[in-house]
N, C-alpha and C. Protein backbone atom coordinates (compact mmCIF):
# COMPACT_ATOMS: atom_id res chain seq x y z
N MET A 1 26.50 22.79 2.04
CA MET A 1 25.96 21.76 1.05
C MET A 1 26.43 21.44 0.87
N SER A 2 27.64 21.63 -0.05
CA SER A 2 28.23 20.76 -1.04
C SER A 2 28.89 20.07 -0.54
N ALA A 3 29.33 19.51 0.64
CA ALA A 3 30.14 18.89 1.66
C ALA A 3 29.36 17.67 1.80
N ALA A 4 28.24 17.79 2.15
CA ALA A 4 27.03 16.46 1.69
C ALA A 4 26.89 15.83 0.86
N LEU A 5 27.59 16.57 -0.33
CA LEU A 5 27.12 16.01 -1.66
C LEU A 5 28.12 14.40 -1.94
N PRO A 6 27.87 13.81 -3.03
CA PRO A 6 28.57 12.65 -3.31
C PRO A 6 30.16 13.37 -3.70
N GLU A 7 30.80 12.15 -3.96
CA GLU A 7 32.33 12.03 -4.52
C GLU A 7 32.12 12.42 -6.04
N VAL A 8 33.03 13.56 -6.47
CA VAL A 8 32.92 13.74 -8.07
C VAL A 8 34.09 12.50 -8.58
N VAL A 9 34.13 11.46 -9.49
CA VAL A 9 34.92 10.72 -10.21
C VAL A 9 34.83 10.44 -11.56
N SER A 10 35.85 10.08 -12.07
CA SER A 10 35.86 9.76 -13.48
C SER A 10 34.85 9.10 -13.74
N GLN A 11 34.22 8.60 -15.12
CA GLN A 11 33.25 7.78 -15.54
C GLN A 11 33.95 6.13 -15.33
N GLU A 12 35.07 5.95 -15.40
CA GLU A 12 35.75 4.39 -15.07
C GLU A 12 35.35 4.02 -13.45
N GLU A 13 35.75 5.52 -12.67
CA GLU A 13 35.63 5.03 -11.17
C GLU A 13 34.15 4.83 -10.87
N TRP A 14 33.16 5.81 -11.05
CA TRP A 14 31.51 5.64 -11.03
C TRP A 14 31.46 4.37 -11.52
N ALA A 15 32.10 3.54 -12.76
CA ALA A 15 31.01 2.78 -13.36
C ALA A 15 31.75 1.57 -11.85
N ALA A 16 33.00 1.31 -11.79
CA ALA A 16 33.65 0.33 -10.76
C ALA A 16 32.39 0.44 -9.85
N ALA A 17 32.70 1.67 -9.09
CA ALA A 17 31.84 1.64 -8.06
C ALA A 17 30.18 1.29 -8.20
N ARG A 18 29.29 1.51 -9.51
CA ARG A 18 28.34 0.99 -9.59
C ARG A 18 28.39 -0.75 -9.83
N GLU A 19 29.32 -1.17 -10.42
CA GLU A 19 29.44 -2.70 -10.32
C GLU A 19 29.48 -3.42 -8.86
N SER A 20 29.99 -2.41 -8.22
CA SER A 20 30.24 -3.01 -6.32
C SER A 20 29.20 -3.04 -5.79
N LEU A 21 28.46 -2.11 -6.06
CA LEU A 21 27.09 -1.85 -5.42
C LEU A 21 25.88 -2.96 -5.79
N LEU A 22 25.98 -2.91 -7.30
CA LEU A 22 24.85 -4.04 -7.57
C LEU A 22 25.51 -5.67 -7.41
N VAL A 23 26.75 -5.82 -6.67
CA VAL A 23 26.86 -7.28 -5.97
C VAL A 23 26.14 -7.05 -5.04
N GLU A 24 26.05 -6.01 -4.20
CA GLU A 24 25.30 -6.37 -2.67
C GLU A 24 24.25 -6.08 -3.11
N GLU A 25 23.47 -5.02 -3.72
CA GLU A 25 22.00 -5.56 -4.44
C GLU A 25 21.43 -6.46 -4.89
N LYS A 26 21.97 -7.44 -5.47
CA LYS A 26 21.75 -8.70 -5.68
C LYS A 26 22.06 -9.63 -4.60
N ALA A 27 22.27 -9.45 -3.50
CA ALA A 27 22.54 -10.30 -2.68
C ALA A 27 21.68 -9.97 -1.82
N ALA A 28 21.44 -8.57 -1.48
CA ALA A 28 19.96 -7.99 -0.68
C ALA A 28 18.57 -8.61 -1.20
N LEU A 29 18.63 -8.99 -2.69
CA LEU A 29 17.46 -9.22 -3.08
C LEU A 29 16.91 -11.12 -3.42
N ARG A 30 18.34 -11.28 -2.97
CA ARG A 30 18.28 -12.96 -2.90
C ARG A 30 17.68 -13.10 -1.55
N ALA A 31 18.22 -12.24 -0.21
CA ALA A 31 17.95 -12.29 0.93
C ALA A 31 16.43 -12.00 1.08
N LEU A 32 16.24 -11.18 0.32
CA LEU A 32 14.48 -10.86 0.43
C LEU A 32 13.43 -12.11 -0.11
N ASP A 33 14.51 -12.87 -1.04
CA ASP A 33 13.72 -14.02 -1.61
C ASP A 33 13.38 -14.59 -0.82
N LYS A 34 14.33 -15.22 0.19
CA LYS A 34 14.40 -16.32 1.17
C LYS A 34 13.46 -15.40 2.48
N VAL A 35 13.10 -14.39 2.70
CA VAL A 35 12.51 -13.83 3.58
C VAL A 35 10.91 -14.05 3.07
N ASN A 36 10.87 -13.97 1.96
CA ASN A 36 9.50 -14.02 1.11
C ASN A 36 9.15 -15.34 1.42
N ALA A 37 9.75 -16.33 0.89
CA ALA A 37 9.73 -17.91 0.87
C ALA A 37 8.88 -18.15 2.25
N GLN A 38 9.92 -17.66 3.32
CA GLN A 38 9.75 -17.93 4.86
C GLN A 38 8.22 -17.60 5.48
N ARG A 39 7.96 -16.54 5.00
CA ARG A 39 6.74 -15.55 4.56
C ARG A 39 5.50 -17.02 4.44
N ARG A 40 5.77 -17.41 3.20
CA ARG A 40 4.56 -18.12 2.53
C ARG A 40 4.84 -19.30 3.30
N ARG A 41 5.57 -19.92 4.20
CA ARG A 41 5.82 -21.01 4.76
C ARG A 41 4.99 -20.99 6.54
N LEU A 42 4.86 -19.74 6.51
CA LEU A 42 3.97 -19.65 7.80
C LEU A 42 2.96 -20.35 8.24
N PRO A 43 2.93 -20.98 9.40
CA PRO A 43 1.63 -21.47 9.71
C PRO A 43 0.31 -20.54 9.54
N MET A 44 -0.58 -21.18 10.02
CA MET A 44 -1.91 -20.27 9.56
C MET A 44 -2.87 -20.87 10.85
N VAL A 45 -3.67 -19.69 11.11
CA VAL A 45 -4.72 -19.69 12.71
C VAL A 45 -5.96 -19.82 11.71
N ARG A 46 -6.88 -20.42 12.09
CA ARG A 46 -8.41 -20.17 12.04
C ARG A 46 -8.58 -18.82 12.43
N TRP A 47 -9.68 -18.11 11.98
CA TRP A 47 -9.91 -16.52 12.13
C TRP A 47 -11.56 -16.93 11.89
N ASP A 48 -12.63 -15.94 13.14
CA ASP A 48 -13.58 -15.99 13.13
C ASP A 48 -14.01 -15.06 12.10
N THR A 49 -15.23 -15.82 11.73
CA THR A 49 -15.77 -15.13 10.35
C THR A 49 -17.22 -13.70 10.71
N SER A 50 -17.20 -14.02 11.60
CA SER A 50 -18.54 -13.18 12.36
C SER A 50 -18.63 -12.00 12.77
N TYR A 51 -17.64 -10.96 12.20
CA TYR A 51 -17.39 -9.86 12.15
C TYR A 51 -18.21 -9.24 11.06
N VAL A 52 -18.69 -7.55 11.65
CA VAL A 52 -19.64 -7.17 10.54
C VAL A 52 -18.85 -5.48 10.32
N PHE A 53 -18.81 -5.62 8.76
CA PHE A 53 -18.18 -5.07 7.94
C PHE A 53 -19.06 -3.93 7.98
N ARG A 54 -19.00 -2.46 7.79
CA ARG A 54 -19.88 -1.45 6.92
C ARG A 54 -18.94 -0.71 5.90
N SER A 55 -19.56 -0.36 4.57
CA SER A 55 -19.40 0.49 3.36
C SER A 55 -20.41 1.00 2.99
N VAL A 56 -20.24 1.82 2.09
CA VAL A 56 -21.51 2.81 1.37
C VAL A 56 -22.23 1.45 0.66
N ASP A 57 -21.62 1.09 0.36
CA ASP A 57 -22.88 -0.38 -0.26
C ASP A 57 -23.44 -1.49 0.93
N GLY A 58 -23.24 -0.87 2.33
CA GLY A 58 -24.08 -1.82 3.45
C GLY A 58 -23.27 -2.50 3.91
N GLU A 59 -23.81 -3.60 5.02
CA GLU A 59 -22.98 -4.26 5.70
C GLU A 59 -22.50 -5.69 4.82
N ALA A 60 -21.13 -6.00 5.46
CA ALA A 60 -20.27 -7.38 4.74
C ALA A 60 -20.03 -8.04 5.74
N SER A 61 -19.78 -9.27 5.24
CA SER A 61 -19.07 -10.31 6.38
C SER A 61 -17.60 -10.49 5.71
N LEU A 62 -16.54 -11.03 6.71
CA LEU A 62 -15.07 -11.18 6.66
C LEU A 62 -15.50 -11.85 4.93
N LEU A 63 -16.23 -13.04 4.89
CA LEU A 63 -16.43 -13.26 3.95
C LEU A 63 -16.29 -12.77 2.87
N ASP A 64 -17.42 -12.03 2.42
CA ASP A 64 -17.91 -10.90 1.90
C ASP A 64 -16.64 -9.57 1.33
N LEU A 65 -15.49 -9.69 2.10
CA LEU A 65 -14.50 -8.84 1.66
C LEU A 65 -13.55 -9.45 0.72
N PHE A 66 -13.71 -10.72 0.68
CA PHE A 66 -12.93 -11.46 -0.02
C PHE A 66 -13.29 -11.35 -1.46
N ASP A 67 -14.50 -10.78 -1.68
CA ASP A 67 -14.88 -10.74 -3.04
C ASP A 67 -14.76 -11.90 -3.77
N GLY A 68 -15.06 -13.14 -3.33
CA GLY A 68 -14.76 -14.60 -4.45
C GLY A 68 -13.58 -14.99 -4.30
N ARG A 69 -12.76 -14.24 -3.88
CA ARG A 69 -11.15 -14.58 -4.25
C ARG A 69 -10.68 -15.37 -2.93
N ARG A 70 -9.78 -15.63 -2.65
CA ARG A 70 -8.59 -16.85 -1.97
C ARG A 70 -8.15 -15.89 -0.81
N GLN A 71 -7.65 -14.65 -1.51
CA GLN A 71 -6.39 -14.20 -0.71
C GLN A 71 -6.92 -12.64 -0.18
N LEU A 72 -6.94 -12.38 1.13
CA LEU A 72 -7.39 -11.27 1.29
C LEU A 72 -6.26 -10.00 2.55
N ILE A 73 -5.94 -9.23 1.37
CA ILE A 73 -4.92 -8.61 2.84
C ILE A 73 -5.77 -6.98 2.75
N THR A 74 -5.91 -6.83 3.95
CA THR A 74 -6.46 -5.38 4.52
C THR A 74 -5.62 -4.69 5.82
N TYR A 75 -5.70 -3.39 5.02
CA TYR A 75 -4.79 -2.30 5.85
C TYR A 75 -5.80 -1.86 7.29
N HIS A 76 -5.04 -2.06 8.27
CA HIS A 76 -6.14 -1.41 9.68
C HIS A 76 -5.21 0.48 9.40
N TYR A 77 -6.59 1.01 9.00
CA TYR A 77 -6.06 2.78 9.21
C TYR A 77 -6.08 2.97 10.63
N MET A 78 -5.40 4.07 11.23
CA MET A 78 -5.57 4.52 12.20
C MET A 78 -6.40 5.65 12.09
N MET A 79 -7.39 5.71 12.47
CA MET A 79 -8.75 6.10 12.56
C MET A 79 -10.12 5.92 13.26
N PHE A 80 -9.97 6.75 14.78
CA PHE A 80 -10.67 5.93 15.55
C PHE A 80 -12.20 7.13 16.31
N PRO A 81 -12.96 6.17 16.77
CA PRO A 81 -14.36 6.87 16.89
C PRO A 81 -14.12 8.14 17.72
N GLY A 82 -14.77 9.33 16.87
CA GLY A 82 -14.42 10.55 17.58
C GLY A 82 -13.90 11.32 17.92
N ASP A 83 -12.32 10.86 17.03
CA ASP A 83 -11.03 11.13 16.88
C ASP A 83 -11.14 12.07 15.56
N PRO A 84 -10.82 13.31 16.01
CA PRO A 84 -10.89 14.25 14.48
C PRO A 84 -9.26 13.89 13.65
N HIS A 85 -8.29 13.54 14.40
CA HIS A 85 -6.90 13.34 13.93
C HIS A 85 -6.71 12.26 12.63
N ARG A 86 -6.12 12.63 11.57
CA ARG A 86 -6.37 11.62 10.06
C ARG A 86 -4.47 11.38 9.77
N CYS A 87 -4.51 10.27 10.30
CA CYS A 87 -2.86 10.30 10.37
C CYS A 87 -2.03 10.32 8.90
N SER A 88 -1.34 11.15 8.93
CA SER A 88 -0.50 11.58 7.65
C SER A 88 0.10 10.60 7.00
N GLY A 89 0.48 9.23 8.10
CA GLY A 89 1.35 7.97 7.83
C GLY A 89 0.17 7.04 6.93
N CYS A 90 -0.55 7.07 7.77
CA CYS A 90 -1.97 5.83 6.95
C CYS A 90 -2.01 6.28 5.71
N ALA A 91 -2.36 7.78 5.58
CA ALA A 91 -2.98 8.30 4.35
C ALA A 91 -1.58 8.36 3.26
N PHE A 92 -0.19 8.37 3.49
CA PHE A 92 0.80 8.18 2.98
C PHE A 92 0.91 6.89 2.15
N LEU A 93 0.98 5.34 3.18
CA LEU A 93 0.58 4.50 2.94
C LEU A 93 -0.66 4.31 1.66
N VAL A 94 -1.61 4.35 2.01
CA VAL A 94 -3.02 4.65 1.32
C VAL A 94 -2.61 5.15 -0.21
N ASP A 95 -2.06 5.97 -0.38
CA ASP A 95 -1.80 6.93 -1.22
C ASP A 95 -1.06 6.09 -2.34
N ASN A 96 -0.36 5.32 -1.92
CA ASN A 96 0.70 4.18 -2.48
C ASN A 96 -0.06 3.08 -3.07
N MET A 97 -1.24 2.90 -2.45
CA MET A 97 -2.04 1.58 -3.04
C MET A 97 -1.99 1.94 -4.51
N PRO A 98 -2.26 0.34 -5.25
CA PRO A 98 -2.69 0.99 -6.70
C PRO A 98 -4.06 1.11 -6.68
N VAL A 99 -3.90 2.01 -7.56
CA VAL A 99 -5.63 2.74 -8.22
C VAL A 99 -6.20 1.54 -9.02
N ARG A 100 -5.73 0.32 -9.72
CA ARG A 100 -6.40 -0.07 -10.45
C ARG A 100 -5.69 -1.34 -9.84
N HIS A 101 -6.65 -2.50 -9.39
CA HIS A 101 -6.40 -3.74 -8.76
C HIS A 101 -6.22 -4.96 -9.78
N GLU A 102 -6.46 -4.54 -10.99
CA GLU A 102 -6.80 -6.08 -11.94
C GLU A 102 -5.30 -7.20 -11.56
N ALA A 103 -4.05 -6.42 -11.58
CA ALA A 103 -2.98 -7.38 -11.02
C ALA A 103 -2.95 -8.25 -9.98
N LEU A 104 -3.94 -7.66 -9.06
CA LEU A 104 -4.11 -8.47 -7.65
C LEU A 104 -4.86 -9.28 -7.52
N ASN A 105 -5.82 -9.11 -8.41
CA ASN A 105 -7.38 -9.64 -8.46
C ASN A 105 -6.78 -10.89 -9.36
N ASN A 106 -6.27 -10.80 -10.50
CA ASN A 106 -5.70 -11.85 -11.32
C ASN A 106 -4.69 -12.84 -10.80
N ARG A 107 -3.97 -12.20 -9.33
CA ARG A 107 -3.41 -13.36 -8.28
C ARG A 107 -4.14 -13.86 -7.34
N ASP A 108 -5.42 -13.77 -7.33
CA ASP A 108 -6.60 -14.16 -6.63
C ASP A 108 -6.64 -13.59 -5.45
N VAL A 109 -6.09 -11.85 -5.22
CA VAL A 109 -5.87 -11.23 -3.98
C VAL A 109 -6.74 -10.17 -3.91
N THR A 110 -7.77 -9.93 -3.10
CA THR A 110 -8.68 -8.73 -2.80
C THR A 110 -7.70 -7.69 -1.96
N LEU A 111 -7.76 -6.28 -2.19
CA LEU A 111 -7.36 -5.63 -1.39
C LEU A 111 -8.21 -4.77 -0.54
N VAL A 112 -8.11 -4.59 0.47
CA VAL A 112 -9.19 -3.57 1.18
C VAL A 112 -8.58 -2.63 2.26
N VAL A 113 -9.14 -1.30 2.58
CA VAL A 113 -8.87 -0.68 3.79
C VAL A 113 -10.17 -1.08 5.15
N THR A 114 -9.80 -0.98 5.94
CA THR A 114 -10.74 -0.82 7.16
C THR A 114 -10.24 0.11 8.47
N ALA A 115 -10.96 0.73 9.46
CA ALA A 115 -10.76 1.61 9.83
C ALA A 115 -11.99 1.46 11.35
N PRO A 116 -11.59 1.71 12.36
CA PRO A 116 -12.40 1.38 13.39
C PRO A 116 -13.50 2.62 13.48
N ALA A 117 -13.07 3.82 13.05
CA ALA A 117 -14.27 4.83 12.66
C ALA A 117 -15.35 4.56 12.04
N PRO A 118 -16.62 4.99 12.85
CA PRO A 118 -17.73 4.64 12.07
C PRO A 118 -17.80 5.21 10.56
N LEU A 119 -18.59 4.63 9.79
CA LEU A 119 -18.75 5.24 8.01
C LEU A 119 -19.01 6.33 7.91
N GLU A 120 -19.60 6.83 8.98
CA GLU A 120 -20.24 8.63 8.81
C GLU A 120 -19.18 9.45 9.16
N GLU A 121 -17.94 9.40 9.61
CA GLU A 121 -16.77 9.78 10.15
C GLU A 121 -15.53 9.67 9.25
N SER A 122 -15.52 8.45 8.55
CA SER A 122 -14.17 7.89 7.43
C SER A 122 -14.64 8.30 6.15
N GLU A 123 -15.98 8.30 5.93
CA GLU A 123 -16.48 7.99 4.13
C GLU A 123 -16.05 9.69 3.84
N PRO A 124 -16.31 10.98 4.64
CA PRO A 124 -15.98 11.71 4.14
C PRO A 124 -14.76 12.05 3.61
N PHE A 125 -13.46 11.76 4.64
CA PHE A 125 -12.12 11.73 4.40
C PHE A 125 -12.23 10.80 3.17
N ARG A 126 -12.49 9.70 3.41
CA ARG A 126 -12.15 8.71 2.02
C ARG A 126 -12.68 9.72 0.73
N GLN A 127 -13.77 10.17 0.37
CA GLN A 127 -14.06 11.26 -0.60
C GLN A 127 -13.53 12.03 -0.56
N ARG A 128 -12.79 13.02 0.37
CA ARG A 128 -11.82 13.65 0.32
C ARG A 128 -10.37 13.89 -0.18
N MET A 129 -9.71 12.53 -0.07
CA MET A 129 -8.38 11.97 -0.67
C MET A 129 -8.68 11.65 -2.01
N GLY A 130 -10.14 11.34 -2.33
CA GLY A 130 -10.25 10.67 -3.75
C GLY A 130 -9.97 9.26 -3.66
N TRP A 131 -9.81 8.52 -2.67
CA TRP A 131 -9.68 7.04 -2.66
C TRP A 131 -10.65 6.03 -3.14
N THR A 132 -10.05 5.30 -4.14
CA THR A 132 -11.53 4.51 -4.75
C THR A 132 -11.50 2.91 -4.21
N MET A 133 -10.29 2.74 -3.45
CA MET A 133 -10.28 1.17 -3.41
C MET A 133 -11.48 0.63 -1.97
N PRO A 134 -11.62 -0.55 -1.98
CA PRO A 134 -12.40 -0.53 -1.13
C PRO A 134 -12.45 -0.65 0.73
N TRP A 135 -13.46 0.11 1.25
CA TRP A 135 -13.12 1.11 2.16
C TRP A 135 -14.67 0.20 3.51
N TYR A 136 -13.65 -0.16 4.41
CA TYR A 136 -14.89 -0.31 5.31
C TYR A 136 -14.37 -0.15 6.52
N SER A 137 -16.00 0.15 7.73
CA SER A 137 -15.65 0.57 9.05
C SER A 137 -15.96 -1.05 9.86
N THR A 138 -15.11 -0.84 10.85
CA THR A 138 -15.24 -1.76 11.68
C THR A 138 -15.90 -1.47 12.49
N HIS A 139 -16.26 -0.24 13.36
CA HIS A 139 -17.28 0.15 14.28
C HIS A 139 -18.08 -1.12 14.60
N GLY A 140 -18.00 -1.12 15.80
CA GLY A 140 -19.06 -1.85 16.78
C GLY A 140 -18.83 -3.71 16.65
N SER A 141 -17.33 -4.00 15.94
CA SER A 141 -16.71 -5.16 16.16
C SER A 141 -15.61 -4.96 17.23
N THR A 142 -14.91 -6.21 17.18
CA THR A 142 -13.43 -6.68 17.99
C THR A 142 -12.33 -6.87 16.62
N PHE A 143 -12.48 -6.45 15.48
CA PHE A 143 -11.54 -6.97 14.33
C PHE A 143 -10.63 -6.08 14.59
N THR A 144 -10.47 -5.11 14.38
CA THR A 144 -9.08 -4.13 14.36
C THR A 144 -8.12 -4.71 15.83
N ALA A 145 -9.13 -4.89 16.74
CA ALA A 145 -8.38 -5.05 18.15
C ALA A 145 -7.69 -6.78 17.98
N ASP A 146 -8.46 -7.31 17.22
CA ASP A 146 -8.29 -8.98 17.31
C ASP A 146 -7.01 -9.12 16.32
N CYS A 147 -6.90 -8.01 15.52
CA CYS A 147 -5.97 -8.17 14.50
C CYS A 147 -4.50 -7.59 15.26
N GLY A 148 -4.71 -7.09 16.47
CA GLY A 148 -3.25 -6.70 17.04
C GLY A 148 -2.86 -5.24 16.53
N ALA A 149 -4.32 -4.38 15.88
CA ALA A 149 -3.77 -3.12 15.50
C ALA A 149 -4.96 -2.20 16.01
N GLY A 150 -5.03 -2.49 17.18
CA GLY A 150 -6.04 -2.11 18.20
C GLY A 150 -5.96 -0.27 18.38
N HIS A 151 -4.60 0.07 18.41
CA HIS A 151 -4.16 1.56 19.06
C HIS A 151 -3.32 1.97 17.92
N GLY A 152 -3.24 1.17 16.66
CA GLY A 152 -2.45 1.63 15.77
C GLY A 152 -2.72 1.43 14.24
N PHE A 153 -1.64 0.87 13.36
CA PHE A 153 -1.79 0.83 12.61
C PHE A 153 -1.22 -0.85 11.93
N GLY A 154 -1.85 -1.43 10.99
CA GLY A 154 -1.05 -2.75 10.36
C GLY A 154 -1.32 -3.50 9.34
N VAL A 155 -0.95 -4.67 8.72
CA VAL A 155 -1.50 -5.27 7.63
C VAL A 155 -1.60 -6.46 8.06
N SER A 156 -2.96 -7.29 7.40
CA SER A 156 -3.68 -8.43 8.05
C SER A 156 -3.68 -9.03 6.80
N VAL A 157 -3.40 -10.60 6.55
CA VAL A 157 -3.16 -11.11 5.11
C VAL A 157 -4.29 -12.66 5.55
N PHE A 158 -5.05 -12.90 5.15
CA PHE A 158 -5.92 -13.73 5.35
C PHE A 158 -6.08 -14.61 4.36
N LEU A 159 -6.12 -16.33 3.86
CA LEU A 159 -6.71 -17.33 3.04
C LEU A 159 -7.52 -17.64 3.43
N ARG A 160 -8.75 -17.91 2.51
CA ARG A 160 -9.83 -18.40 2.48
C ARG A 160 -10.23 -20.14 1.79
N ASP A 161 -10.47 -21.10 2.51
CA ASP A 161 -10.65 -22.20 2.16
C ASP A 161 -11.86 -22.60 2.19
N GLY A 162 -12.70 -22.80 1.09
CA GLY A 162 -13.96 -22.34 0.74
C GLY A 162 -14.86 -21.30 1.84
N ASP A 163 -15.58 -21.77 2.99
CA ASP A 163 -16.27 -20.81 4.04
C ASP A 163 -15.35 -20.54 5.20
N ASP A 164 -14.08 -21.40 5.53
CA ASP A 164 -13.14 -21.09 6.02
C ASP A 164 -12.25 -20.21 6.16
N VAL A 165 -11.76 -19.42 7.14
CA VAL A 165 -10.90 -18.37 6.94
C VAL A 165 -9.60 -18.65 7.82
N TYR A 166 -8.55 -18.49 7.57
CA TYR A 166 -7.17 -18.29 8.14
C TYR A 166 -6.73 -17.18 8.21
N ARG A 167 -6.08 -16.75 9.10
CA ARG A 167 -5.21 -15.82 9.05
C ARG A 167 -3.35 -16.07 9.13
N THR A 168 -2.59 -15.44 7.98
CA THR A 168 -1.29 -16.13 7.53
C THR A 168 -0.30 -14.94 7.94
N TYR A 169 -0.74 -13.77 7.83
CA TYR A 169 0.46 -12.89 8.09
C TYR A 169 -0.06 -11.18 8.83
N TYR A 170 0.84 -10.85 9.60
CA TYR A 170 0.92 -9.92 9.82
C TYR A 170 1.70 -8.89 10.15
N THR A 171 1.72 -7.57 9.94
CA THR A 171 3.27 -6.67 10.20
C THR A 171 2.53 -5.33 10.45
N THR A 172 3.65 -4.56 10.97
CA THR A 172 3.26 -3.47 11.51
C THR A 172 4.27 -2.53 11.70
N GLY A 173 4.60 -1.21 12.15
CA GLY A 173 5.81 -0.62 11.88
C GLY A 173 6.79 -0.30 10.36
N ARG A 174 7.85 -0.26 10.86
CA ARG A 174 8.51 -0.28 9.42
C ARG A 174 8.22 -1.76 8.39
N GLY A 175 7.43 -2.73 8.94
CA GLY A 175 7.16 -3.51 8.00
C GLY A 175 6.12 -3.07 7.02
N GLY A 176 5.54 -1.54 7.02
CA GLY A 176 4.34 -1.04 6.19
C GLY A 176 5.23 -0.49 5.34
N ASP A 177 6.76 -0.19 5.40
CA ASP A 177 7.47 0.40 4.32
C ASP A 177 7.31 0.18 3.18
N LEU A 178 7.74 -1.34 3.17
CA LEU A 178 7.71 -2.39 2.02
C LEU A 178 6.48 -2.03 0.95
N LEU A 179 5.39 -1.19 1.60
CA LEU A 179 4.15 -1.58 0.93
C LEU A 179 4.04 0.28 0.14
N VAL A 180 5.40 0.81 0.53
CA VAL A 180 4.98 2.56 0.26
C VAL A 180 6.18 2.49 -1.17
N GLY A 181 5.61 2.47 -2.43
CA GLY A 181 6.25 2.93 -3.66
C GLY A 181 7.33 4.27 -3.38
N THR A 182 6.58 5.33 -3.07
CA THR A 182 7.60 6.38 -2.96
C THR A 182 9.17 6.47 -2.22
N LEU A 183 8.73 5.32 -1.16
CA LEU A 183 9.95 5.19 -0.49
C LEU A 183 10.89 4.61 -1.19
N ARG A 184 10.26 3.83 -2.38
CA ARG A 184 11.50 2.95 -2.96
C ARG A 184 11.71 3.91 -4.02
N TYR A 185 11.43 5.14 -4.64
CA TYR A 185 11.86 6.25 -5.50
C TYR A 185 12.65 7.04 -4.71
N LEU A 186 12.41 7.20 -3.36
CA LEU A 186 13.41 8.30 -2.76
C LEU A 186 14.92 7.00 -2.42
N ASP A 187 14.88 6.27 -2.08
CA ASP A 187 15.98 5.21 -1.86
C ASP A 187 16.89 5.49 -2.75
N LEU A 188 16.45 5.07 -4.33
CA LEU A 188 17.36 5.33 -5.24
C LEU A 188 18.42 6.65 -5.64
N THR A 189 17.45 7.91 -4.94
CA THR A 189 18.27 8.94 -4.84
C THR A 189 19.46 9.44 -3.95
N PRO A 190 20.50 10.15 -4.23
CA PRO A 190 21.64 10.55 -3.48
C PRO A 190 21.36 11.19 -1.78
N MET A 191 19.89 12.02 -2.19
CA MET A 191 19.74 12.65 -1.24
C MET A 191 19.01 11.88 0.05
N GLY A 192 18.34 10.46 -0.59
CA GLY A 192 17.39 9.65 0.01
C GLY A 192 16.01 10.15 0.56
N ARG A 193 15.61 10.31 1.77
CA ARG A 193 14.51 10.16 2.46
C ARG A 193 14.42 11.83 3.19
N HIS A 194 15.88 12.45 3.10
CA HIS A 194 16.36 13.70 4.34
C HIS A 194 16.42 13.11 5.50
N GLU A 195 16.30 11.85 6.21
CA GLU A 195 15.62 11.48 7.25
C GLU A 195 17.08 11.50 7.99
N GLU A 196 17.06 12.03 9.23
CA GLU A 196 18.70 11.69 10.08
C GLU A 196 19.21 10.12 9.92
N TRP A 197 18.21 9.30 10.26
CA TRP A 197 18.78 8.02 10.71
C TRP A 197 19.52 7.58 9.29
N GLU A 198 19.50 7.93 8.17
CA GLU A 198 20.18 7.24 6.89
C GLU A 198 21.46 7.49 7.01
N GLU A 199 22.46 6.24 6.98
CA GLU A 199 23.66 6.49 6.62
C GLU A 199 24.38 7.50 6.07
N SER A 200 23.93 7.94 4.72
CA SER A 200 24.49 9.06 4.11
C SER A 200 24.66 10.21 5.12
N GLY A 201 24.13 10.41 5.78
CA GLY A 201 24.65 11.62 6.78
C GLY A 201 24.01 12.89 6.29
N ARG A 202 22.86 12.97 5.11
CA ARG A 202 22.59 14.28 4.21
C ARG A 202 20.74 14.84 4.57
N GLY A 203 20.38 14.07 5.86
CA GLY A 203 19.20 14.10 5.84
C GLY A 203 19.41 14.50 7.56
N THR A 204 18.15 15.47 8.22
CA THR A 204 17.90 16.14 9.18
C THR A 204 16.76 15.94 9.64
N ASP A 205 15.75 15.42 9.08
CA ASP A 205 14.38 15.53 9.14
C ASP A 205 14.11 13.98 10.18
N ALA A 206 13.10 14.15 10.85
CA ALA A 206 13.00 12.81 11.84
C ALA A 206 11.78 12.00 10.97
N PRO A 207 12.16 11.04 11.43
CA PRO A 207 11.31 9.50 10.23
C PRO A 207 10.28 9.97 10.74
N GLY A 208 9.41 10.16 8.82
CA GLY A 208 8.17 10.38 9.02
C GLY A 208 7.76 11.71 9.02
N SER A 209 8.48 12.63 9.56
CA SER A 209 8.12 14.19 10.01
C SER A 209 7.37 14.95 8.81
N TRP A 210 8.01 14.49 7.55
CA TRP A 210 7.52 15.38 6.50
C TRP A 210 6.19 14.89 5.55
N TRP A 211 6.13 13.54 6.22
CA TRP A 211 5.00 13.50 5.48
C TRP A 211 3.43 14.11 5.74
N ARG A 212 2.49 13.97 4.58
CA ARG A 212 1.54 14.85 4.81
C ARG A 212 0.40 14.31 4.06
N LEU A 213 -0.67 14.58 4.56
CA LEU A 213 -1.63 14.63 3.78
C LEU A 213 -1.75 14.92 2.46
N HIS A 214 -1.90 14.56 1.21
CA HIS A 214 -1.58 14.66 -0.26
C HIS A 214 -2.09 16.29 -0.59
N ASP A 215 -3.50 16.82 0.17
CA ASP A 215 -3.89 18.05 -0.28
C ASP A 215 -3.18 18.75 0.59
N GLU A 216 -2.28 18.59 1.31
CA GLU A 216 -1.26 19.83 2.40
C GLU A 216 -0.14 20.11 2.17
N TYR A 217 0.39 19.29 1.01
CA TYR A 217 1.95 19.25 1.04
C TYR A 217 2.20 20.71 0.16
């Protein structure tokens, strides 16, 4: 185990190495700023608003999901009708969603979770997890499939202009990593995520194999 630990050096050597890494970190952040700017400049496509969503408060339209704001982020949860599986990866991401949404709301953004399973199947799980964010079932509609997340998960972003809705962005796979704060903290540590792909060579776990529902750790 000790062979996998970082090298022990003097304070001066550590400070020099840290300053060298800081240059790389700043360059990476500037590169991310450019990607974020490109994302904001993406074109958009007009989106159907006739979908019907269901929550504990009743039926809602896509326009209703905006809750009066101009921008909507929806996470497509992998929870399918009649399937008892409850995805630990999706749960990991939803666990990392902000508990309070005032800051997002102040920036004209509403954040919601949607799932293809009927509400009677997904609502008990939401209650078990203690999640309080807006949660909707897309059962009976093609919304999830139309967004490209029919057999998986994803994140869709929409913009409202009056009663017209446009889709501006979609991501899945590693794109979801950026929404998981726990991973950002782990990436600061010398042992990282303990996953085999990491260049440090200190992990042996398969990617995501350690994720659990938070009441199963």
